[in-house]
Amino acid sequence: MMKKIVLVGALVGALASCTATEQGTAIGAGTGAVIGGAVTNSWGGAAVGAVAGGLTGALIGQSVERRGYCIYRDRYGRRYEARCR
């Protein structure tokens, strides 16, 4: 039980440091997988739901961020924002 609590805490902490697009993708994929699996009662349905939810979440998250700008990492691992390539 304690391992599950620690794992959930670590996942929440990791997700909190993501951009809106990354958060939207993760939340959309998780929600889509749960709904797809519940509706079809199969792993295939969960996979399709995860893909559809992830794409939708990414689009919603991207619309929240600055249009035309992406987040990159330099060679030292620092994040910076610049025009998308």
Protein backbone atom coordinates (compact mmCIF):
# COMPACT_ATOMS: atom_id res chain seq x y z
CA MET A 1 0.00 0.00 0.00
CA MET A 2 2.80 2.40 0.90
CA LYS A 3 4.53 1.72 -2.43
CA LYS A 4 1.39 2.72 -4.32
CA ILE A 5 1.13 6.00 -2.40
CA VAL A 6 4.78 6.81 -3.08
CA LEU A 7 4.37 5.93 -6.77
CA VAL A 8 1.29 8.15 -7.14
CA GLY A 9 3.10 10.99 -5.38
CA ALA A 10 6.08 10.66 -7.70
CA LEU A 11 3.85 10.65 -10.79
CA VAL A 12 1.93 13.72 -9.62
CA GLY A 13 5.20 15.53 -8.92
CA ALA A 14 6.59 14.64 -12.33
CA LEU A 15 3.41 15.72 -14.10
CA ALA A 16 3.34 19.05 -12.25
CA SER A 17 6.66 20.05 -13.84
CA CYS A 18 5.43 19.46 -17.39
CA THR A 19 4.15 22.04 -19.87
CA ALA A 20 0.45 22.38 -20.58
CA THR A 21 0.80 20.30 -23.75
CA GLU A 22 2.59 17.49 -21.91
CA GLN A 23 0.05 17.56 -19.09
CA GLY A 24 -2.84 17.53 -21.54
CA THR A 25 -1.34 14.59 -23.41
CA ALA A 26 -0.79 12.55 -20.24
CA ILE A 27 -4.20 13.28 -18.77
CA GLY A 28 -5.95 12.70 -22.10
CA ALA A 29 -4.15 9.41 -22.70
CA GLY A 30 -4.93 8.13 -19.21
CA THR A 31 -8.56 9.13 -19.39
CA GLY A 32 -8.93 7.76 -22.92
CA ALA A 33 -7.42 4.43 -21.89
CA VAL A 34 -9.79 4.07 -18.96
CA ILE A 35 -12.87 4.99 -21.01
CA GLY A 36 -11.82 2.88 -24.02
CA GLY A 37 -11.12 -0.13 -21.83
CA ALA A 38 -14.38 0.24 -19.91
CA VAL A 39 -16.53 0.64 -23.03
CA THR A 40 -15.00 -2.22 -25.04
CA ASN A 41 -13.83 -4.37 -22.13
CA SER A 42 -10.58 -5.09 -24.00
CA TRP A 43 -6.93 -4.03 -24.08
CA GLY A 44 -7.32 -3.00 -27.71
CA GLY A 45 -10.07 -0.56 -26.81
CA ALA A 46 -7.90 0.85 -24.05
CA ALA A 47 -5.03 1.34 -26.50
CA VAL A 48 -7.24 3.11 -29.05
CA GLY A 49 -8.72 5.25 -26.27
CA ALA A 50 -5.24 6.17 -25.04
CA VAL A 51 -4.13 7.28 -28.50
CA ALA A 52 -7.29 9.28 -29.15
CA GLY A 53 -7.22 10.84 -25.69
CA GLY A 54 -3.53 11.66 -25.95
CA LEU A 55 -3.97 13.42 -29.29
CA THR A 56 -6.95 15.38 -28.04
CA GLY A 57 -5.17 16.33 -24.83
CA ALA A 58 -2.11 17.48 -26.76
CA LEU A 59 -4.21 19.70 -29.00
CA ILE A 60 -6.00 21.24 -26.05
CA GLY A 61 -2.75 21.74 -24.14
CA GLN A 62 -1.06 23.29 -27.15
CA SER A 63 -3.82 25.85 -27.56
CA VAL A 64 -3.14 27.07 -24.01
CA GLU A 65 0.54 27.76 -24.69
CA ARG A 66 2.03 30.49 -26.87
CA ARG A 67 1.25 29.78 -30.49
CA GLY A 68 4.25 29.17 -32.69
CA TYR A 69 6.61 28.58 -29.76
CA CYS A 70 7.97 25.26 -28.56
CA ILE A 71 9.93 24.23 -25.51
CA TYR A 72 13.40 22.84 -26.14
CA ARG A 73 16.27 21.64 -23.96
CA ASP A 74 19.84 22.83 -24.38
CA ARG A 75 22.82 20.53 -24.01
CA TYR A 76 22.84 21.13 -20.25
CA GLY A 77 19.23 20.02 -19.86
CA ARG A 78 17.82 23.50 -19.28
CA ARG A 79 14.46 24.22 -20.87
CA TYR A 80 13.94 27.27 -23.07
CA GLU A 81 11.21 28.56 -25.35
CA ALA A 82 11.79 29.44 -29.01
CA ARG A 83 9.89 29.50 -32.31
CA CYS A 84 8.95 26.02 -33.45
CA ARG A 85 11.07 24.58 -36.24
